[in-house]
Amino acid sequence: MTGRGVPQHMKKAFLQLHAAIFLAGFTGILGRLITLNEGLLVWYRMLFSALGLFVLLKVSGKEIRFPEKGKLALLGVGGIVALHWTFFYGSIKYANVSIALVCFSAVGFFTALIDPLLTKRRVQPVELFLGLMVMLGIYLIFHFDEQYQAGIVWGVISSLLAALFTILNKKLIQQHGTDTVTLFEMGGGWLVLTLLLPIYLYRFPTDHIVPSWSDFFWLLFLSLLCTVLAFRLSLDALRKISPFTVNLSYNLEPVYGIILAFIVYQENKYLGWGFYTGFAIILGTVLLQSWRVWRKHA
């Protein structure tokens, strides 16, 4: 403790978490900006992220440790990350950036349900209530903005997968460290997508599979800053903060992403009152949970 108030390590963890969330806020508009379909977009993203982190570790002189145990777990969670991103970008393609980001907010609800099952801890009624409030916000958008329903379904599936990999990562980073987890999960996700891509492209054909120069530049930006850096910051924060709080705090990602979508794509012209009502409920829930956690450590 540094005098009264929040411990220094908690302050650092919250700063790391919200820096990661701010970087993640750019992923939505980049997902719309890049012209590749969602499967190829994620395939390139994970490839560039794995290569970028590998080079970074080599240049900085850090030892790359290949774990003796847990390789399959790391690769498997990487596959879940890959599927999460694929559904997330699919939500953007079928709806828009704002809808996809708001649907991501359901991650808190799924975490409140799944975390007790996997970690054997007791269900927290407050967490479940806050998660249900987020689901209410999403329902209002789903009910009153019917043209976005397909995108909302993809977005909710994406949030379920995000909750799962965050819970599983809590244990993995304690065993292997941030760099190892990030590198193996990016590589594992790329490998899973490589195996699934022929089937995926058969089901969802596209007119081009090689990125343009513009797409290539934005893929690098997405991979190195919004993925490698953001992923490592959030994993470092996860050492000190619970998976539920990390996931619920990530619901601030829609705030940054939606503001950017309004500025860049003027999406505010196409959203009805159901969206704004639901979004207000979700934002209030996030702020309430952040206040609860901060007060607990004060």
Protein backbone atom coordinates (compact mmCIF):
# COMPACT_ATOMS: atom_id res chain seq x y z
CA MET A 1 0.00 0.00 0.00
CA THR A 2 1.14 3.57 -0.66
CA GLY A 3 -0.65 5.39 2.13
CA ARG A 4 -4.42 5.18 2.02
CA GLY A 5 -6.24 4.28 -1.16
CA VAL A 6 -5.77 1.74 -3.92
CA PRO A 7 -2.54 -0.33 -3.80
CA GLN A 8 0.09 0.70 -6.33
CA HIS A 9 0.02 -2.67 -8.10
CA MET A 10 -3.76 -2.35 -8.53
CA LYS A 11 -3.40 1.15 -9.98
CA LYS A 12 -0.84 -0.16 -12.48
CA ALA A 13 -3.09 -3.09 -13.39
CA PHE A 14 -6.05 -0.78 -14.03
CA LEU A 15 -3.89 1.55 -16.15
CA GLN A 16 -2.64 -1.41 -18.21
CA LEU A 17 -6.18 -2.71 -18.61
CA HIS A 18 -7.64 0.57 -19.81
CA ALA A 19 -4.69 1.22 -22.15
CA ALA A 20 -5.44 -2.18 -23.70
CA ILE A 21 -9.14 -1.30 -23.94
CA PHE A 22 -8.35 2.00 -25.68
CA LEU A 23 -6.20 0.22 -28.28
CA ALA A 24 -8.91 -2.43 -28.71
CA GLY A 25 -11.36 0.36 -29.48
CA PHE A 26 -9.68 0.77 -32.88
CA THR A 27 -10.30 -2.85 -33.91
CA GLY A 28 -13.90 -2.21 -34.90
CA ILE A 29 -13.28 0.56 -37.41
CA LEU A 30 -10.26 -1.34 -38.75
CA GLY A 31 -12.47 -4.40 -39.23
CA ARG A 32 -14.75 -2.37 -41.46
CA LEU A 33 -11.87 -0.57 -43.17
CA ILE A 34 -10.06 -3.78 -44.18
CA THR A 35 -11.81 -5.26 -47.21
CA LEU A 36 -10.98 -8.94 -46.58
CA ASN A 37 -13.77 -11.16 -45.27
CA GLU A 38 -13.78 -11.91 -41.53
CA GLY A 39 -12.07 -15.32 -41.76
CA LEU A 40 -9.15 -14.09 -43.85
CA LEU A 41 -8.88 -10.91 -41.79
CA VAL A 42 -8.38 -12.91 -38.60
CA TRP A 43 -6.03 -15.36 -40.35
CA TYR A 44 -3.70 -12.52 -41.39
CA ARG A 45 -4.11 -10.76 -38.05
CA MET A 46 -2.96 -13.79 -36.07
CA LEU A 47 -0.11 -14.54 -38.49
CA PHE A 48 1.27 -10.99 -38.33
CA SER A 49 0.74 -10.86 -34.55
CA ALA A 50 2.65 -14.10 -33.94
CA LEU A 51 5.50 -13.07 -36.25
CA GLY A 52 5.59 -9.55 -34.80
CA LEU A 53 5.82 -10.77 -31.22
CA PHE A 54 8.45 -13.38 -32.14
CA VAL A 55 10.66 -10.72 -33.75
CA LEU A 56 10.10 -8.34 -30.82
CA LEU A 57 11.19 -10.96 -28.30
CA LYS A 58 14.25 -11.87 -30.37
CA VAL A 59 15.34 -8.24 -30.84
CA SER A 60 14.86 -7.45 -27.14
CA GLY A 61 16.97 -10.48 -26.19
CA LYS A 62 14.21 -12.22 -24.26
CA GLU A 63 14.31 -15.98 -24.14
CA ILE A 64 11.42 -17.70 -25.91
CA ARG A 65 10.47 -20.62 -23.72
CA PHE A 66 8.54 -23.49 -25.21
CA PRO A 67 6.56 -24.97 -22.33
CA GLU A 68 7.08 -28.64 -21.56
CA LYS A 69 3.47 -28.96 -20.43
CA GLY A 70 0.31 -27.19 -21.49
CA LYS A 71 1.10 -26.79 -25.21
CA LEU A 72 -2.29 -28.17 -26.26
CA ALA A 73 -4.09 -25.92 -23.77
CA LEU A 74 -2.34 -22.84 -25.17
CA LEU A 75 -3.06 -23.84 -28.76
CA GLY A 76 -6.67 -24.65 -27.88
CA VAL A 77 -7.29 -21.29 -26.23
CA GLY A 78 -5.66 -19.66 -29.26
CA GLY A 79 -8.27 -21.42 -31.38
CA ILE A 80 -11.02 -19.96 -29.18
CA VAL A 81 -9.49 -16.49 -29.63
CA ALA A 82 -9.47 -17.00 -33.41
CA LEU A 83 -13.15 -18.02 -33.43
CA HIS A 84 -14.04 -15.10 -31.16
CA TRP A 85 -12.43 -12.63 -33.56
CA THR A 86 -14.03 -14.28 -36.58
CA PHE A 87 -17.51 -13.94 -35.09
CA PHE A 88 -16.72 -10.39 -33.97
CA TYR A 89 -15.72 -9.25 -37.46
CA GLY A 90 -18.63 -11.21 -38.91
CA SER A 91 -20.89 -9.13 -36.66
CA ILE A 92 -19.38 -5.97 -38.14
CA LYS A 93 -19.92 -7.24 -41.70
CA TYR A 94 -23.54 -8.28 -41.04
CA ALA A 95 -24.44 -5.19 -38.98
CA ASN A 96 -21.95 -2.40 -38.24
CA VAL A 97 -19.14 -1.45 -35.88
CA SER A 98 -21.40 -0.02 -33.18
CA ILE A 99 -23.64 -3.10 -33.01
CA ALA A 100 -20.69 -5.51 -32.87
CA LEU A 101 -19.05 -3.56 -30.06
CA VAL A 102 -22.22 -3.34 -27.99
CA CYS A 103 -22.83 -7.09 -28.36
CA PHE A 104 -19.34 -7.67 -27.00
CA SER A 105 -20.68 -6.31 -23.72
CA ALA A 106 -22.47 -9.63 -23.10
CA VAL A 107 -19.07 -11.02 -22.09
CA GLY A 108 -19.73 -9.97 -18.47
CA PHE A 109 -22.92 -12.02 -18.31
CA PHE A 110 -21.25 -15.11 -19.76
CA THR A 111 -18.27 -14.71 -17.42
CA ALA A 112 -20.58 -14.57 -14.38
CA LEU A 113 -22.08 -17.90 -15.51
CA ILE A 114 -19.01 -19.78 -16.78
CA ASP A 115 -16.31 -18.70 -14.30
CA PRO A 116 -17.93 -20.40 -11.26
CA LEU A 117 -18.38 -23.60 -13.27
CA LEU A 118 -14.72 -23.78 -14.32
CA THR A 119 -13.06 -22.44 -11.16
CA LYS A 120 -15.45 -23.98 -8.60
CA ARG A 121 -16.06 -20.64 -6.92
CA ARG A 122 -19.47 -19.52 -5.74
CA VAL A 123 -21.77 -17.63 -8.07
CA GLN A 124 -21.73 -13.94 -7.22
CA PRO A 125 -25.33 -12.58 -7.33
CA VAL A 126 -24.11 -9.02 -7.98
CA GLU A 127 -22.04 -10.16 -10.99
CA LEU A 128 -24.98 -12.12 -12.35
CA PHE A 129 -27.28 -9.12 -11.92
CA LEU A 130 -24.86 -6.77 -13.68
CA GLY A 131 -24.43 -9.28 -16.49
CA LEU A 132 -28.22 -9.55 -16.87
CA MET A 133 -28.47 -5.75 -17.11
CA VAL A 134 -26.03 -5.85 -20.02
CA MET A 135 -28.12 -8.56 -21.69
CA LEU A 136 -31.20 -6.35 -21.21
CA GLY A 137 -29.39 -3.56 -23.05
CA ILE A 138 -28.55 -5.91 -25.92
CA TYR A 139 -32.13 -7.21 -26.03
CA LEU A 140 -33.48 -3.69 -26.46
CA ILE A 141 -31.20 -3.17 -29.44
CA PHE A 142 -32.09 -6.61 -30.87
CA HIS A 143 -35.82 -5.99 -30.48
CA PHE A 144 -36.05 -2.48 -31.88
CA ASP A 145 -33.31 -2.55 -34.57
CA GLU A 146 -34.43 -5.65 -36.48
CA GLN A 147 -32.21 -5.07 -39.51
CA TYR A 148 -29.18 -5.85 -37.34
CA GLN A 149 -30.39 -9.15 -35.83
CA ALA A 150 -27.99 -11.42 -37.77
CA GLY A 151 -25.06 -9.25 -36.74
CA ILE A 152 -26.26 -9.28 -33.12
CA VAL A 153 -26.35 -13.09 -33.07
CA TRP A 154 -22.77 -13.23 -34.39
CA GLY A 155 -21.76 -10.62 -31.81
CA VAL A 156 -23.28 -12.49 -28.86
CA ILE A 157 -21.50 -15.71 -29.90
CA SER A 158 -18.29 -13.68 -30.09
CA SER A 159 -18.79 -12.44 -26.51
CA LEU A 160 -19.42 -16.01 -25.25
CA LEU A 161 -16.09 -17.12 -26.73
CA ALA A 162 -14.36 -14.03 -25.29
CA ALA A 163 -15.60 -14.88 -21.79
CA LEU A 164 -14.33 -18.44 -22.15
CA PHE A 165 -10.80 -17.58 -23.27
CA THR A 166 -10.38 -14.87 -20.62
CA ILE A 167 -11.29 -17.30 -17.83
CA LEU A 168 -8.95 -19.96 -19.20
CA ASN A 169 -6.13 -17.43 -19.62
CA LYS A 170 -6.22 -16.53 -15.91
CA LYS A 171 -4.60 -19.86 -15.06
CA LEU A 172 -2.37 -20.06 -18.14
CA ILE A 173 -0.57 -16.76 -17.56
CA GLN A 174 0.24 -17.80 -13.98
CA GLN A 175 1.84 -20.97 -15.33
CA HIS A 176 3.64 -19.72 -18.44
CA GLY A 177 3.95 -15.91 -18.41
CA THR A 178 2.49 -13.24 -20.66
CA ASP A 179 4.87 -13.51 -23.63
CA THR A 180 4.60 -17.29 -23.90
CA VAL A 181 0.81 -17.24 -23.66
CA THR A 182 0.47 -14.47 -26.25
CA LEU A 183 2.90 -16.07 -28.73
CA PHE A 184 1.46 -19.57 -28.49
CA GLU A 185 -2.15 -18.40 -28.60
CA MET A 186 -1.57 -16.24 -31.66
CA GLY A 187 0.25 -19.12 -33.34
CA GLY A 188 -2.34 -21.65 -32.20
CA GLY A 189 -5.21 -19.53 -33.42
CA TRP A 190 -3.52 -19.12 -36.80
CA LEU A 191 -3.01 -22.90 -37.04
CA VAL A 192 -6.67 -23.62 -36.19
CA LEU A 193 -7.85 -21.12 -38.79
CA THR A 194 -5.46 -22.55 -41.38
CA LEU A 195 -7.13 -25.94 -40.93
CA LEU A 196 -10.64 -24.46 -41.06
CA LEU A 197 -10.08 -21.88 -43.80
CA PRO A 198 -10.73 -24.15 -46.84
CA ILE A 199 -14.14 -25.09 -45.44
CA TYR A 200 -14.81 -21.51 -44.41
CA LEU A 201 -13.98 -20.08 -47.83
CA TYR A 202 -16.15 -22.74 -49.48
CA ARG A 203 -19.06 -21.69 -47.27
CA PHE A 204 -18.32 -17.96 -47.48
CA PRO A 205 -16.59 -17.38 -50.85
CA THR A 206 -14.69 -14.15 -51.50
CA ASP A 207 -13.36 -12.44 -54.61
CA HIS A 208 -9.85 -11.88 -53.21
CA ILE A 209 -7.68 -13.56 -50.59
CA VAL A 210 -4.51 -11.44 -50.85
CA PRO A 211 -4.67 -8.07 -49.04
CA SER A 212 -4.21 -4.86 -50.98
CA TRP A 213 -1.39 -2.51 -49.93
CA SER A 214 -3.90 -0.49 -47.94
CA ASP A 215 -5.24 -3.62 -46.25
CA PHE A 216 -1.67 -4.77 -45.55
CA PHE A 217 -0.83 -1.51 -43.75
CA TRP A 218 -3.97 -1.59 -41.60
CA LEU A 219 -3.43 -5.28 -40.84
CA LEU A 220 0.01 -4.44 -39.46
CA PHE A 221 -1.47 -1.65 -37.35
CA LEU A 222 -4.19 -4.00 -36.11
CA SER A 223 -1.76 -6.84 -35.41
CA LEU A 224 1.12 -5.04 -33.71
CA LEU A 225 -0.63 -2.33 -31.71
CA CYS A 226 -4.24 -3.42 -31.30
CA THR A 227 -3.37 -7.10 -30.82
CA VAL A 228 0.15 -7.80 -29.53
CA LEU A 229 0.46 -4.70 -27.35
CA ALA A 230 -3.17 -4.70 -26.18
CA PHE A 231 -3.17 -8.46 -25.55
CA ARG A 232 -0.01 -8.32 -23.44
CA LEU A 233 -1.29 -5.34 -21.43
CA SER A 234 -4.58 -7.06 -20.67
CA LEU A 235 -2.84 -10.31 -19.69
CA ASP A 236 -0.52 -8.43 -17.33
CA ALA A 237 -3.57 -6.77 -15.76
CA LEU A 238 -5.26 -10.16 -15.44
CA ARG A 239 -2.57 -11.19 -12.94
CA LYS A 240 -4.02 -8.73 -10.40
CA ILE A 241 -7.68 -8.32 -11.48
CA SER A 242 -10.44 -10.93 -11.68
CA PRO A 243 -11.61 -12.25 -15.08
CA PHE A 244 -15.09 -10.82 -14.48
CA THR A 245 -13.76 -7.31 -13.84
CA VAL A 246 -11.44 -7.51 -16.86
CA ASN A 247 -14.26 -8.67 -19.09
CA LEU A 248 -16.78 -6.17 -17.76
CA SER A 249 -14.24 -3.34 -18.01
CA TYR A 250 -13.69 -4.32 -21.63
CA ASN A 251 -17.29 -3.20 -22.14
CA LEU A 252 -15.79 0.30 -22.24
CA GLU A 253 -14.36 -0.76 -25.61
CA PRO A 254 -17.71 0.09 -27.24
CA VAL A 255 -17.44 3.64 -25.86
CA TYR A 256 -14.13 4.25 -27.65
CA GLY A 257 -15.06 2.21 -30.71
CA ILE A 258 -18.53 3.69 -31.16
CA ILE A 259 -17.22 7.25 -30.84
CA LEU A 260 -14.67 6.43 -33.56
CA ALA A 261 -17.39 4.79 -35.70
CA PHE A 262 -19.57 7.88 -35.33
CA ILE A 263 -16.68 10.13 -36.37
CA VAL A 264 -15.29 8.01 -39.22
CA TYR A 265 -18.42 6.32 -40.63
CA GLN A 266 -21.27 8.52 -39.28
CA GLU A 267 -23.04 5.39 -37.98
CA ASN A 268 -25.11 7.54 -35.62
CA LYS A 269 -27.33 8.36 -38.62
CA TYR A 270 -28.49 4.74 -38.88
CA LEU A 271 -29.13 3.84 -35.24
CA GLY A 272 -32.51 4.14 -33.52
CA TRP A 273 -33.58 4.92 -29.96
CA GLY A 274 -33.41 1.22 -29.02
CA PHE A 275 -29.64 1.32 -29.58
CA TYR A 276 -29.11 4.39 -27.42
CA THR A 277 -31.33 3.09 -24.61
CA GLY A 278 -29.53 -0.27 -24.57
CA PHE A 279 -26.14 1.37 -24.78
CA ALA A 280 -26.97 3.67 -21.83
CA ILE A 281 -27.88 0.65 -19.68
CA ILE A 282 -24.65 -1.14 -20.65
CA LEU A 283 -22.48 1.91 -19.96
CA GLY A 284 -24.12 2.42 -16.56
CA THR A 285 -23.45 -1.22 -15.68
CA VAL A 286 -19.77 -0.95 -16.60
CA LEU A 287 -19.30 2.22 -14.56
CA LEU A 288 -21.05 0.65 -11.56
CA GLN A 289 -18.79 -2.43 -11.60
CA SER A 290 -15.65 -0.32 -12.00
CA TRP A 291 -16.74 1.76 -9.01
CA ARG A 292 -17.43 -1.39 -6.95
CA VAL A 293 -13.97 -2.82 -7.62
CA TRP A 294 -12.21 0.50 -6.97
CA ARG A 295 -14.14 1.02 -3.70
CA LYS A 296 -13.33 -2.51 -2.57
CA HIS A 297 -9.60 -1.76 -2.69
CA ALA A 298 -9.84 1.78 -1.33
